[in-house]
Amino acid sequence: MGNQEGNKEREGFADAINRAAFGNERVLLRRRGRAVAAVVPIDDLRLLEALEDRIDLVDARAALAQANKKGAQSLDVILKELGL
């Protein structure tokens, strides 16, 4: 890659960051015309992380309820069943 191409890519990446940070845009990064990543505003990232935490909490509560209903297995039993 020539120096001029590297400068263009850096400028494009800096523009994507600015658009996300200051324009509150979600910017797709593409390679060979295919979207491979995204630059998102920090508030979007925080929302995604909060949603993931909420999903994890719901899953954990469901697993706990199932363990309370059916009984829990020890780690040794689970490892043995998995052949570990």
C-alpha atoms as a PDB file:
ATOM      1  CA  MET A   1       0.000   0.000   0.000  1.00  0.00           C
ATOM      2  CA  GLY A   2       1.427   3.351  -0.994  1.00  0.00           C
ATOM      3  CA  ASN A   3       1.764   6.253   1.386  1.00  0.00           C
ATOM      4  CA  GLN A   4      -1.016   8.151  -0.380  1.00  0.00           C
ATOM      5  CA  GLU A   5      -3.423   5.210   0.053  1.00  0.00           C
ATOM      6  CA  GLY A   6      -2.510   4.950   3.745  1.00  0.00           C
ATOM      7  CA  ASN A   7      -3.262   8.643   4.212  1.00  0.00           C
ATOM      8  CA  LYS A   8      -6.669   8.212   2.525  1.00  0.00           C
ATOM      9  CA  GLU A   9      -7.505   5.282   4.804  1.00  0.00           C
ATOM     10  CA  ARG A  10      -6.463   7.203   7.918  1.00  0.00           C
ATOM     11  CA  GLU A  11      -8.548  10.183   6.821  1.00  0.00           C
ATOM     12  CA  GLY A  12     -11.511   7.898   6.157  1.00  0.00           C
ATOM     13  CA  PHE A  13     -11.173   6.275   9.553  1.00  0.00           C
ATOM     14  CA  ALA A  14     -10.835   9.656  11.269  1.00  0.00           C
ATOM     15  CA  ASP A  15     -13.967  10.789   9.425  1.00  0.00           C
ATOM     16  CA  ALA A  16     -15.852   7.678  10.606  1.00  0.00           C
ATOM     17  CA  ILE A  17     -14.815   8.363  14.199  1.00  0.00           C
ATOM     18  CA  ASN A  18     -15.888  12.002  13.958  1.00  0.00           C
ATOM     19  CA  ARG A  19     -19.221  11.077  12.390  1.00  0.00           C
ATOM     20  CA  ALA A  20     -19.909   8.625  15.219  1.00  0.00           C
ATOM     21  CA  ALA A  21     -18.607  10.827  18.026  1.00  0.00           C
ATOM     22  CA  PHE A  22     -19.976  14.190  16.960  1.00  0.00           C
ATOM     23  CA  GLY A  23     -22.688  13.352  14.420  1.00  0.00           C
ATOM     24  CA  ASN A  24     -24.150  10.489  16.441  1.00  0.00           C
ATOM     25  CA  GLU A  25     -23.992   8.266  13.333  1.00  0.00           C
ATOM     26  CA  ARG A  26     -23.402   4.531  13.005  1.00  0.00           C
ATOM     27  CA  VAL A  27     -20.725   4.089  10.361  1.00  0.00           C
ATOM     28  CA  LEU A  28     -20.067   0.789   8.585  1.00  0.00           C
ATOM     29  CA  LEU A  29     -16.481  -0.105   7.726  1.00  0.00           C
ATOM     30  CA  ARG A  30     -16.178  -2.102   4.536  1.00  0.00           C
ATOM     31  CA  ARG A  31     -13.591  -4.368   2.996  1.00  0.00           C
ATOM     32  CA  ARG A  32     -14.021  -5.256  -0.655  1.00  0.00           C
ATOM     33  CA  GLY A  33     -17.535  -3.818  -0.517  1.00  0.00           C
ATOM     34  CA  ARG A  34     -18.590  -6.007   2.401  1.00  0.00           C
ATOM     35  CA  ALA A  35     -19.419  -4.568   5.839  1.00  0.00           C
ATOM     36  CA  VAL A  36     -16.931  -5.992   8.356  1.00  0.00           C
ATOM     37  CA  ALA A  37     -17.201  -3.672  11.371  1.00  0.00           C
ATOM     38  CA  ALA A  38     -18.908  -0.549  12.634  1.00  0.00           C
ATOM     39  CA  VAL A  39     -17.974   2.621  14.461  1.00  0.00           C
ATOM     40  CA  VAL A  40     -20.830   3.613  16.754  1.00  0.00           C
ATOM     41  CA  PRO A  41     -21.468   6.450  19.177  1.00  0.00           C
ATOM     42  CA  ILE A  42     -20.429   5.598  22.741  1.00  0.00           C
ATOM     43  CA  ASP A  43     -24.039   5.887  23.921  1.00  0.00           C
ATOM     44  CA  ASP A  44     -25.007   3.122  21.464  1.00  0.00           C
ATOM     45  CA  LEU A  45     -22.246   0.904  22.844  1.00  0.00           C
ATOM     46  CA  ARG A  46     -23.397   1.534  26.409  1.00  0.00           C
ATOM     47  CA  LEU A  47     -26.962   0.646  25.419  1.00  0.00           C
ATOM     48  CA  LEU A  48     -25.811  -2.602  23.791  1.00  0.00           C
ATOM     49  CA  GLU A  49     -23.801  -3.496  26.882  1.00  0.00           C
ATOM     50  CA  ALA A  50     -26.790  -2.778  29.137  1.00  0.00           C
ATOM     51  CA  LEU A  51     -29.004  -4.987  26.943  1.00  0.00           C
ATOM     52  CA  GLU A  52     -26.436  -7.794  27.099  1.00  0.00           C
ATOM     53  CA  ASP A  53     -26.285  -7.468  30.884  1.00  0.00           C
ATOM     54  CA  ARG A  54     -30.093  -7.630  31.051  1.00  0.00           C
ATOM     55  CA  ILE A  55     -30.174 -10.760  28.871  1.00  0.00           C
ATOM     56  CA  ASP A  56     -27.473 -12.375  31.042  1.00  0.00           C
ATOM     57  CA  LEU A  57     -29.503 -11.576  34.161  1.00  0.00           C
ATOM     58  CA  VAL A  58     -32.679 -13.093  32.683  1.00  0.00           C
ATOM     59  CA  ASP A  59     -30.723 -16.233  31.671  1.00  0.00           C
ATOM     60  CA  ALA A  60     -29.121 -16.510  35.119  1.00  0.00           C
ATOM     61  CA  ARG A  61     -32.488 -16.186  36.858  1.00  0.00           C
ATOM     62  CA  ALA A  62     -33.974 -18.865  34.592  1.00  0.00           C
ATOM     63  CA  ALA A  63     -31.052 -21.209  35.309  1.00  0.00           C
ATOM     64  CA  LEU A  64     -31.403 -20.604  39.048  1.00  0.00           C
ATOM     65  CA  ALA A  65     -35.139 -21.272  38.912  1.00  0.00           C
ATOM     66  CA  GLN A  66     -34.504 -24.520  37.017  1.00  0.00           C
ATOM     67  CA  ALA A  67     -31.850 -25.566  39.540  1.00  0.00           C
ATOM     68  CA  ASN A  68     -34.235 -24.819  42.415  1.00  0.00           C
ATOM     69  CA  LYS A  69     -36.978 -26.847  40.727  1.00  0.00           C
ATOM     70  CA  LYS A  70     -34.939 -29.830  39.523  1.00  0.00           C
ATOM     71  CA  GLY A  71     -31.989 -29.664  41.872  1.00  0.00           C
ATOM     72  CA  ALA A  72     -28.469 -28.630  41.047  1.00  0.00           C
ATOM     73  CA  GLN A  73     -25.640 -30.903  39.969  1.00  0.00           C
ATOM     74  CA  SER A  74     -22.151 -30.617  41.347  1.00  0.00           C
ATOM     75  CA  LEU A  75     -19.338 -29.452  39.108  1.00  0.00           C
ATOM     76  CA  ASP A  76     -17.724 -32.884  39.394  1.00  0.00           C
ATOM     77  CA  VAL A  77     -20.858 -34.581  38.018  1.00  0.00           C
ATOM     78  CA  ILE A  78     -21.093 -32.118  35.118  1.00  0.00           C
ATOM     79  CA  LEU A  79     -17.403 -32.527  34.237  1.00  0.00           C
ATOM     80  CA  LYS A  80     -17.765 -36.302  34.341  1.00  0.00           C
ATOM     81  CA  GLU A  81     -20.799 -36.155  32.021  1.00  0.00           C
ATOM     82  CA  LEU A  82     -18.772 -34.014  29.615  1.00  0.00           C
ATOM     83  CA  GLY A  83     -15.845 -36.412  29.800  1.00  0.00           C
ATOM     84  CA  LEU A  84     -13.543 -33.802  31.274  1.00  0.00           C
END
